[in-house]
Protein backbone atom coordinates (compact mmCIF):
# COMPACT_ATOMS: atom_id res chain seq x y z
CA TYR A 1 7.84 2.94 -4.53
CA ASP A 2 9.30 2.89 -1.04
CA ARG A 3 13.11 3.03 -0.91
CA LYS A 4 13.06 1.50 2.56
CA CYS A 5 11.11 -1.54 1.32
CA VAL A 6 13.41 -4.40 0.32
CA PHE A 7 10.73 -5.91 -1.97
CA CYS A 8 10.38 -2.58 -3.82
CA ARG A 9 14.14 -2.57 -4.37
CA ILE A 10 14.17 -6.21 -5.50
CA ALA A 11 11.24 -5.62 -7.87
CA ARG A 12 13.09 -2.69 -9.45
CA ARG A 13 16.25 -4.78 -9.76
CA GLU A 14 18.17 -2.63 -7.28
CA GLU A 15 19.26 -5.67 -5.24
CA PRO A 16 21.70 -7.50 -7.55
CA SER A 17 22.21 -10.32 -5.04
CA THR A 18 18.58 -11.44 -5.53
CA ALA A 19 18.11 -13.50 -8.69
CA LEU A 20 14.73 -13.09 -10.36
CA PHE A 21 12.98 -15.87 -12.24
CA PRO A 22 11.63 -15.13 -15.72
CA CYS A 23 8.08 -13.84 -15.41
CA GLU A 24 5.49 -13.33 -18.13
CA TYR A 25 3.99 -10.29 -16.39
CA GLU A 26 5.94 -7.05 -16.16
CA ASP A 27 4.09 -5.97 -13.03
CA LEU A 28 5.26 -9.03 -11.04
CA VAL A 29 8.59 -10.53 -9.98
CA CYS A 30 9.42 -13.89 -8.44
CA PHE A 31 12.46 -14.97 -6.41
CA LYS A 32 13.54 -17.56 -3.84
CA ASP A 33 12.62 -16.96 -0.20
CA ILE A 34 15.76 -16.31 1.85
CA LYS A 35 14.43 -18.55 4.65
CA PRO A 36 12.85 -21.42 2.71
CA GLY A 37 10.17 -23.45 4.43
CA ALA A 38 10.18 -26.12 1.71
CA LEU A 39 12.40 -27.55 -1.00
CA HIS A 40 10.76 -25.05 -3.36
CA HIS A 41 9.84 -21.77 -1.66
CA TYR A 42 9.32 -18.71 -3.84
CA LEU A 43 7.81 -15.29 -3.34
CA VAL A 44 5.72 -13.60 -6.01
CA VAL A 45 5.72 -9.83 -5.52
CA PRO A 46 4.01 -6.97 -7.38
CA VAL A 47 6.40 -4.30 -8.65
CA GLU A 48 3.99 -1.65 -7.37
CA HIS A 49 4.20 -1.21 -3.61
CA LEU A 50 1.00 -2.62 -2.19
CA GLY A 51 0.57 -3.11 1.52
CA ASN A 52 -0.10 -6.49 3.06
CA CYS A 53 -2.99 -8.79 2.16
CA LYS A 54 -5.41 -6.79 4.34
CA THR A 55 -5.22 -3.98 1.77
CA LEU A 56 -6.55 -6.23 -1.02
CA LYS A 57 -9.90 -5.32 -2.54
CA THR A 58 -12.19 -6.92 -5.10
CA GLU A 59 -10.36 -5.17 -7.93
CA HIS A 60 -7.14 -6.99 -6.90
CA ILE A 61 -8.56 -10.46 -7.72
CA PRO A 62 -6.97 -10.50 -11.22
CA LEU A 63 -3.62 -9.52 -9.68
CA VAL A 64 -3.77 -12.35 -7.13
CA LYS A 65 -4.74 -14.82 -9.87
CA ARG A 66 -1.73 -13.70 -11.94
CA MET A 67 0.50 -14.06 -8.86
CA MET A 68 -0.71 -17.65 -8.49
CA GLU A 69 -0.11 -18.31 -12.21
CA VAL A 70 3.47 -17.06 -11.87
CA GLY A 71 4.03 -19.23 -8.80
CA LYS A 72 2.86 -22.36 -10.63
CA ALA A 73 4.92 -21.50 -13.71
CA VAL A 74 8.09 -21.02 -11.64
CA LEU A 75 7.51 -24.36 -9.92
CA GLN A 76 7.19 -26.08 -13.29
CA THR A 77 10.29 -24.29 -14.62
CA ASN A 78 12.15 -25.66 -11.60
CA ASN A 79 11.06 -29.24 -12.33
CA PHE A 80 8.19 -29.47 -9.87
CA SER A 81 5.12 -30.69 -11.72
CA ASP A 82 2.69 -31.98 -9.04
CA LEU A 83 0.55 -28.86 -8.71
CA ASN A 84 -1.74 -30.75 -6.32
CA ASP A 85 1.09 -30.80 -3.76
CA ILE A 86 1.68 -27.07 -3.34
CA ARG A 87 0.74 -24.43 -0.80
CA MET A 88 0.22 -20.77 -1.64
CA GLY A 89 -0.82 -17.99 0.63
CA PHE A 90 -0.23 -14.75 2.48
CA HIS A 91 0.73 -14.10 6.09
CA TRP A 92 -1.98 -12.12 7.85
CA PRO A 93 -0.81 -9.00 9.74
CA PRO A 94 0.86 -8.71 12.16
CA PHE A 95 2.51 -11.98 11.11
CA CYS A 96 4.09 -10.67 7.89
CA SER A 97 7.67 -9.53 8.24
CA ILE A 98 7.60 -7.20 5.21
CA SER A 99 4.65 -4.94 4.53
CA HIS A 100 4.71 -5.32 0.75
CA LEU A 101 2.24 -7.80 -0.71
CA HIS A 102 3.94 -11.15 -1.38
CA LEU A 103 2.56 -14.58 -2.16
CA HIS A 104 4.37 -17.56 -0.64
CA VAL A 105 4.65 -20.53 -3.02
CA LEU A 106 5.79 -23.73 -1.30
CA ALA A 107 6.27 -27.26 -2.62
CA PRO A 108 6.06 -30.11 -1.98
CA ALA A 109 3.45 -29.31 0.66
CA SER A 110 3.35 -32.97 1.70
CA GLN A 111 6.97 -32.73 2.83
CA LEU A 112 6.80 -29.54 4.89
CA GLY A 113 8.64 -29.90 8.18
CA PHE A 114 6.93 -29.52 11.54
CA LEU A 115 7.64 -25.79 11.91
CA SER A 116 6.76 -25.05 8.27
CA ARG A 117 3.46 -26.92 8.65
CA LEU A 118 2.68 -24.59 11.55
CA TYR A 119 4.01 -21.39 10.00
CA TYR A 120 2.25 -22.00 6.67
CA ARG A 121 -0.84 -23.70 8.08
CA ILE A 122 -3.80 -23.49 5.72
CA ASN A 123 -6.33 -20.78 6.65
CA SER A 124 -4.93 -20.33 10.12
CA TYR A 125 -5.11 -17.14 12.13
CA TRP A 126 -1.76 -16.08 10.62
CA PHE A 127 -1.71 -17.58 7.08
CA ILE A 128 -4.48 -17.38 4.49
CA THR A 129 -4.70 -19.29 1.24
């Protein structure tokens, strides 16, 4: 836990202005991105402070899979059902603004604006899916 990390504080429910979506896993939280790049733009964040995606190891594969599950479930809860029209990924350092692992979940991917298509470009130098 890092008191200076806003995602740590959100995950521990210390930021009452950030509404959390119901989540089936106690070690994850999900909330709306404050600068949405799509109609639906959510962040799935582990409660435990993990660094950025460069710190991920083989043993984190189940965690990332659960993060993706949560992202899809939140989309469906918010009436978005076309799971073929979504984009999920991580910003690669130094392009991540907060150094606490967080999965971007965006939909509909087909309707991303010009800047969002660049910023969340699939497997680019700055964004990995």
